[in-house]
Protein backbone atom coordinates (compact mmCIF):
# COMPACT_ATOMS: atom_id res chain seq x y z
CA MET A 1 7.80 12.27 -22.26
CA MET A 2 6.55 9.41 -24.54
CA ASN A 3 9.97 7.87 -24.50
CA LEU A 4 10.19 8.03 -20.74
CA VAL A 5 6.89 6.13 -20.38
CA LEU A 6 7.86 3.48 -22.92
CA ARG A 7 11.20 2.94 -21.18
CA ARG A 8 9.16 2.43 -17.83
CA LEU A 9 6.85 -0.08 -19.73
CA VAL A 10 9.56 -2.03 -21.33
CA LEU A 11 11.41 -2.46 -17.99
CA PHE A 12 8.03 -3.65 -16.40
CA ILE A 13 8.24 -7.33 -17.84
CA PRO A 14 12.06 -8.11 -16.60
CA MET A 15 11.06 -6.60 -13.26
CA TRP A 16 8.05 -8.61 -13.10
CA ILE A 17 9.96 -11.90 -13.75
CA ALA A 18 12.70 -10.76 -11.16
CA VAL A 19 9.83 -10.35 -8.54
CA SER A 20 8.20 -13.75 -9.49
CA VAL A 21 11.52 -15.45 -9.04
CA LEU A 22 12.24 -13.78 -5.62
CA SER A 23 8.81 -14.51 -4.57
CA PHE A 24 9.22 -18.03 -5.13
CA MET A 25 12.65 -18.39 -3.49
CA ILE A 26 11.56 -16.40 -0.49
CA VAL A 27 8.60 -18.43 0.26
CA HIS A 28 10.39 -21.84 -0.29
CA ALA A 29 13.17 -20.57 1.98
CA THR A 30 10.96 -20.13 4.88
CA PRO A 31 10.96 -23.01 7.40
CA GLY A 32 8.04 -25.35 7.73
CA ASP A 33 6.37 -28.01 5.44
CA PRO A 34 2.97 -27.29 3.78
CA ALA A 35 2.37 -30.96 3.43
CA ALA A 36 2.41 -31.28 7.36
CA SER A 37 -0.13 -28.45 7.68
CA PHE A 38 -2.19 -30.06 4.88
CA VAL A 39 -2.45 -33.51 6.45
CA GLY A 40 -1.78 -32.48 10.09
CA GLN A 41 1.32 -32.58 12.17
CA ASP A 42 0.76 -36.21 13.50
CA ALA A 43 0.64 -37.69 10.18
CA GLY A 44 2.84 -40.54 9.16
CA ALA A 45 5.59 -40.47 6.53
CA ALA A 46 3.24 -42.35 3.97
CA SER A 47 0.83 -39.62 4.25
CA LEU A 48 3.31 -36.80 4.11
CA ASP A 49 4.86 -38.09 1.09
CA ALA A 50 1.28 -38.45 -0.53
CA ALA A 51 0.40 -34.77 0.24
CA ARG A 52 3.80 -33.63 -1.19
CA GLN A 53 3.06 -35.30 -4.32
CA ARG A 54 -0.44 -34.09 -4.54
CA LEU A 55 0.68 -30.56 -3.85
CA GLY A 56 3.46 -30.82 -6.38
CA LEU A 57 6.17 -30.38 -3.73
CA ASP A 58 8.04 -33.50 -4.86
CA ARG A 59 9.15 -32.17 -7.96
CA PRO A 60 12.57 -30.77 -8.53
CA TYR A 61 13.16 -27.09 -7.10
CA MET A 62 13.89 -25.63 -10.61
CA GLU A 63 10.93 -27.34 -12.25
CA GLN A 64 8.73 -25.79 -9.64
CA LEU A 65 10.17 -22.51 -10.34
CA TYR A 66 10.04 -22.74 -13.91
CA HIS A 67 6.41 -23.63 -13.90
CA TRP A 68 5.57 -20.88 -11.18
CA VAL A 69 7.30 -18.01 -13.40
CA ALA A 70 5.71 -19.25 -16.72
CA GLY A 71 2.29 -19.51 -15.07
CA SER A 72 2.59 -16.10 -13.63
CA LEU A 73 3.52 -14.52 -16.93
CA ALA A 74 0.35 -16.33 -18.32
CA GLY A 75 -1.88 -14.98 -15.48
CA ASP A 76 -2.01 -18.44 -13.90
CA LEU A 77 -0.88 -18.16 -10.11
CA GLY A 78 -1.53 -21.72 -9.40
CA GLN A 79 -4.10 -23.44 -7.07
CA SER A 80 -4.44 -22.74 -3.37
CA TYR A 81 -3.52 -25.67 -1.21
CA PHE A 82 -6.43 -25.14 1.32
CA LEU A 83 -9.06 -22.94 -0.54
CA GLY A 84 -9.91 -25.28 -3.14
CA ARG A 85 -9.73 -22.69 -6.02
CA SER A 86 -7.39 -20.74 -7.97
CA VAL A 87 -5.08 -18.11 -6.44
CA ALA A 88 -6.07 -15.52 -9.03
CA GLU A 89 -9.86 -16.02 -8.28
CA ALA A 90 -9.25 -15.58 -4.34
CA ILE A 91 -7.16 -12.49 -4.78
CA LEU A 92 -9.59 -10.82 -7.27
CA GLU A 93 -12.31 -11.62 -4.97
CA ARG A 94 -10.84 -9.73 -2.09
CA LEU A 95 -9.03 -6.87 -4.06
CA PRO A 96 -12.11 -4.48 -3.82
CA VAL A 97 -11.90 -4.54 -0.05
CA THR A 98 -8.36 -3.72 -0.09
CA PHE A 99 -8.76 -1.01 -2.79
CA SER A 100 -11.65 0.52 -0.74
CA LEU A 101 -9.43 0.66 2.48
CA GLY A 102 -6.47 1.94 0.56
CA ILE A 103 -8.08 4.73 -1.43
CA LEU A 104 -9.95 5.94 1.94
CA ALA A 105 -6.91 5.83 3.99
CA LEU A 106 -5.00 7.87 1.34
CA LEU A 107 -7.67 10.42 1.36
CA VAL A 108 -7.45 10.64 5.14
CA GLY A 109 -3.73 11.26 4.67
CA ILE A 110 -4.19 13.84 2.11
CA VAL A 111 -6.92 15.65 3.82
CA VAL A 112 -4.99 15.65 7.12
CA GLY A 113 -1.37 15.79 5.76
CA ILE A 114 -1.33 18.62 3.25
CA PRO A 115 -3.08 21.36 5.51
CA LEU A 116 -1.00 20.39 8.52
CA GLY A 117 2.35 20.71 6.33
CA THR A 118 1.14 23.69 4.64
CA ILE A 119 0.57 25.47 8.04
CA ALA A 120 3.91 24.43 9.42
CA ALA A 121 5.75 25.75 6.27
CA LEU A 122 4.00 29.21 6.46
CA SER A 123 5.03 29.49 10.36
CA PRO A 124 8.51 28.06 10.51
CA ASN A 125 10.02 27.81 13.89
CA SER A 126 6.67 28.71 15.53
CA TRP A 127 4.48 26.84 17.87
CA LYS A 128 2.37 25.71 14.87
CA ASP A 129 5.40 24.19 13.14
CA ALA A 130 6.64 22.40 16.48
CA SER A 131 3.19 21.21 16.92
CA THR A 132 3.06 19.80 13.46
CA ILE A 133 6.47 18.03 13.85
CA GLY A 134 5.38 16.56 17.13
CA ILE A 135 2.15 15.21 15.68
CA SER A 136 3.87 13.92 12.59
CA LEU A 137 6.54 12.06 14.66
CA THR A 138 3.92 10.70 17.17
CA PHE A 139 1.98 9.13 14.37
CA LEU A 140 5.11 7.85 12.66
CA SER A 141 6.38 6.20 15.69
CA ILE A 142 3.18 4.57 16.91
CA PRO A 143 2.36 1.22 15.03
CA GLU A 144 -0.64 1.28 13.02
CA PHE A 145 -2.27 -1.82 14.82
CA VAL A 146 -1.75 0.15 18.18
CA VAL A 147 -3.74 3.04 16.70
CA GLY A 148 -6.33 0.68 15.31
CA MET A 149 -6.90 -0.96 18.70
CA LEU A 150 -7.25 2.42 20.51
CA LEU A 151 -9.83 3.47 17.75
CA ILE A 152 -11.67 0.03 18.35
CA TYR A 153 -11.88 0.46 21.98
CA VAL A 154 -12.76 4.09 22.07
CA LEU A 155 -15.08 4.64 19.11
CA GLY A 156 -16.13 1.02 18.75
CA VAL A 157 -16.51 -0.71 22.03
CA GLU A 158 -17.00 2.44 24.46
CA LEU A 159 -18.99 4.97 22.32
CA ARG A 160 -20.35 2.33 19.72
CA TRP A 161 -20.06 4.74 16.97
CA PHE A 162 -18.80 2.50 14.46
CA PRO A 163 -19.23 -1.32 13.81
CA ILE A 164 -16.32 -3.77 14.60
CA GLY A 165 -15.33 -6.92 12.73
CA ARG A 166 -17.83 -6.43 9.81
CA TYR A 167 -17.47 -5.11 6.13
CA ALA A 168 -20.20 -3.58 3.90
CA PRO A 169 -19.55 -3.66 0.26
CA LEU A 170 -20.20 -0.57 -1.74
CA SER A 171 -23.13 -2.29 -3.45
CA ASP A 172 -25.02 -1.96 -0.08
CA GLY A 173 -24.68 1.84 -0.39
CA VAL A 174 -22.03 4.46 0.22
CA GLY A 175 -23.25 5.21 3.81
CA PRO A 176 -22.70 1.59 5.06
CA TRP A 177 -19.51 1.23 3.16
CA LEU A 178 -18.07 4.24 4.75
CA HIS A 179 -19.32 3.41 8.21
CA HIS A 180 -17.64 0.19 8.21
CA LEU A 181 -14.40 1.28 6.73
CA ALA A 182 -13.95 4.49 8.68
CA LEU A 183 -11.83 3.15 11.54
CA PRO A 184 -9.40 1.00 9.71
CA ALA A 185 -9.18 3.89 7.13
CA LEU A 186 -8.39 6.26 9.92
CA ALA A 187 -5.86 3.91 11.60
CA LEU A 188 -4.07 3.63 8.19
CA GLY A 189 -4.40 7.15 6.97
CA LEU A 190 -3.11 8.86 10.28
CA SER A 191 0.33 7.40 9.60
CA GLN A 192 0.33 8.51 6.10
CA SER A 193 -0.89 11.85 6.90
CA ALA A 194 2.46 12.30 9.17
CA LEU A 195 4.55 11.31 6.11
CA ILE A 196 2.69 13.62 3.74
CA ALA A 197 2.69 16.53 6.26
CA ARG A 198 6.43 16.23 6.70
CA MET A 199 7.04 16.30 3.02
CA THR A 200 4.74 19.04 2.26
CA ARG A 201 6.35 21.23 4.88
CA ALA A 202 9.78 20.42 3.58
CA SER A 203 8.76 21.05 -0.08
CA LEU A 204 7.03 24.31 0.74
CA LEU A 205 10.00 25.57 2.82
CA GLN A 206 12.42 24.88 -0.07
CA VAL A 207 10.24 26.61 -2.54
CA LEU A 208 9.24 29.58 -0.27
CA GLY A 209 12.86 30.39 0.04
CA ALA A 210 13.30 30.64 -3.94
CA ASP A 211 14.06 33.85 -5.99
CA TYR A 212 10.89 33.74 -7.74
CA ILE A 213 8.70 33.74 -4.50
CA ARG A 214 10.46 36.76 -3.25
CA THR A 215 10.05 38.43 -6.52
CA ALA A 216 6.36 37.67 -6.63
CA ARG A 217 5.91 39.26 -2.96
CA ALA A 218 8.02 42.41 -4.09
CA LYS A 219 5.43 42.78 -6.97
CA GLY A 220 2.71 43.16 -4.32
CA LEU A 221 0.95 39.94 -5.10
CA PRO A 222 -1.51 38.68 -2.37
CA GLU A 223 -0.20 36.14 -0.26
CA LYS A 224 -2.88 33.68 -1.26
CA VAL A 225 -1.71 34.03 -4.80
CA VAL A 226 1.82 33.76 -4.08
CA ILE A 227 1.32 30.50 -2.02
CA GLY A 228 -1.32 28.96 -4.27
CA ARG A 229 -0.22 29.81 -7.78
CA HIS A 230 3.60 29.93 -7.38
CA ALA A 231 4.72 28.05 -4.25
CA PHE A 232 2.35 25.17 -3.96
CA ARG A 233 2.25 24.60 -7.70
CA ASN A 234 5.91 23.79 -7.71
CA ALA A 235 5.97 22.03 -4.30
CA ILE A 236 3.25 19.81 -5.44
CA ILE A 237 5.65 17.76 -7.58
CA THR A 238 7.43 16.32 -4.71
CA ILE A 239 4.07 15.81 -2.77
CA VAL A 240 2.61 13.95 -5.65
CA THR A 241 5.47 11.41 -5.58
CA VAL A 242 5.05 10.86 -1.97
CA ILE A 243 1.35 10.34 -2.34
CA GLY A 244 2.02 7.81 -5.15
CA LEU A 245 4.27 5.81 -3.02
CA SER A 246 1.75 5.90 -0.20
CA LEU A 247 -0.80 4.56 -2.41
CA ALA A 248 1.30 1.86 -3.76
CA LEU A 249 1.97 0.66 -0.12
CA LEU A 250 -1.73 0.81 0.79
CA LEU A 251 -2.94 -1.08 -2.27
CA SER A 252 -0.28 -3.82 -1.74
CA GLY A 253 -2.28 -4.85 1.32
CA ALA A 254 -2.47 -3.68 4.98
CA PHE A 255 -2.06 -7.12 6.38
CA ILE A 256 -1.95 -6.25 9.99
CA THR A 257 -4.85 -3.63 9.85
CA GLU A 258 -7.10 -5.82 7.67
CA ALA A 259 -6.69 -8.83 10.23
CA LEU A 260 -7.11 -6.54 13.18
CA PHE A 261 -10.43 -5.12 11.86
CA GLN A 262 -11.35 -8.74 10.49
CA LEU A 263 -11.84 -7.12 6.70
CA PRO A 264 -11.86 -9.68 3.93
CA GLY A 265 -9.16 -8.15 1.90
CA ILE A 266 -5.85 -9.60 0.46
CA GLY A 267 -4.08 -8.60 3.69
CA SER A 268 -6.15 -10.92 5.81
CA LEU A 269 -5.72 -13.63 3.11
CA GLY A 270 -2.24 -13.13 3.14
CA VAL A 271 -2.15 -13.69 7.00
CA SER A 272 -4.14 -16.95 6.95
CA ALA A 273 -1.92 -18.08 4.03
CA VAL A 274 1.10 -17.59 6.12
CA LEU A 275 -0.11 -19.35 9.12
CA ARG A 276 -1.11 -22.48 6.86
CA ARG A 277 2.01 -22.19 4.63
CA ASP A 278 -0.30 -21.89 1.54
CA TYR A 279 2.76 -21.33 -0.70
CA PRO A 280 0.80 -20.42 -4.03
CA VAL A 281 -1.28 -18.01 -2.15
CA ILE A 282 1.68 -16.46 -0.63
CA GLN A 283 3.58 -16.26 -3.74
CA GLY A 284 0.57 -14.78 -5.56
CA LEU A 285 0.10 -12.09 -2.82
CA LEU A 286 3.83 -11.09 -3.07
CA LEU A 287 3.62 -10.83 -6.93
CA VAL A 288 0.30 -8.79 -6.94
CA SER A 289 1.56 -6.56 -4.22
CA SER A 290 4.89 -5.80 -6.00
CA SER A 291 2.97 -5.31 -9.20
CA PHE A 292 0.96 -2.52 -7.54
CA ILE A 293 4.14 -0.89 -6.47
CA LEU A 294 5.59 -1.04 -10.01
CA ILE A 295 2.57 0.21 -11.64
CA VAL A 296 2.06 3.02 -9.37
CA ASN A 297 5.66 4.06 -9.65
CA ILE A 298 5.30 4.16 -13.31
CA LEU A 299 2.10 6.38 -12.98
CA VAL A 300 4.19 8.54 -10.25
CA ASP A 301 6.87 9.00 -13.13
CA ILE A 302 4.28 9.95 -15.78
CA VAL A 303 2.70 12.45 -13.32
CA TYR A 304 5.98 13.87 -12.36
CA GLY A 305 7.01 14.35 -16.11
CA LEU A 306 3.72 16.10 -16.78
CA LEU A 307 4.15 18.59 -13.88
CA ASN A 308 7.86 19.19 -14.32
CA PRO A 309 8.54 20.32 -17.81
CA THR A 310 12.25 19.88 -17.17
CA VAL A 311 11.97 16.27 -17.51
CA SER A 312 13.36 15.15 -20.99
CA ASP A 313 12.72 12.05 -23.02
CA GLY A 314 16.51 11.45 -23.26
């Protein structure tokens, strides 16, 4: 197990460098000129050249790439073109919002998804199973921003149960924090719950057909013991993997949802950076988001190794 963890940690650095290089190349391959956004579209050639020099865009491509990769390894993500501050500070300031939203959305996914998947697996080919599959396909098919707009209109505008376009930090109290994040967390969590429900159903169905489950039932063990102690304990390995991947995606920034609900997280920061072609911010967000995915994948591997004794160090 320890060798598995060490291998994952050793691979993290080259993967970080690869993601850093790809982030730079993708951003600089997009059309548009940040200098034009900086000084205005109607600026003359002299103003554009001065802006490019000020922003460091006049330097050779490989030199810019080297400085970016070297800086990212040292924790320096550069300076924003428009915010007047370092990219790292801007991202760190907004991370608590995205973390809060991601954790709450994942909780919604777990609380809704696992019970639905379990009910469907225990009643295969029944109306319960068909209903669960239908609900899952519905939430997987509907874009999150559509669900968000429906929640805003029904629960925010018509019923006025939840505030819209505001955010209360955790320092203001758990109640206001939950109240302001409930709608966006629900919009994100429902789609995750659909994925978790389908994976829970599939995993449990596979486990329930195993010989040791039939043996446990033949011994006369109560069904609750068979499901809870034997079936779910083995099915949870796959479920945890899916939950980990969902967490990685949620923490990497729900760009559209944060922009829709006007939350000051890294998602809304990314949307504004793309609109203004703020290269350093976009690159920094891509690198940070990818890092979340890499880190969570390592944690998922560790948890998988702990839950599955058949995983070897070789």
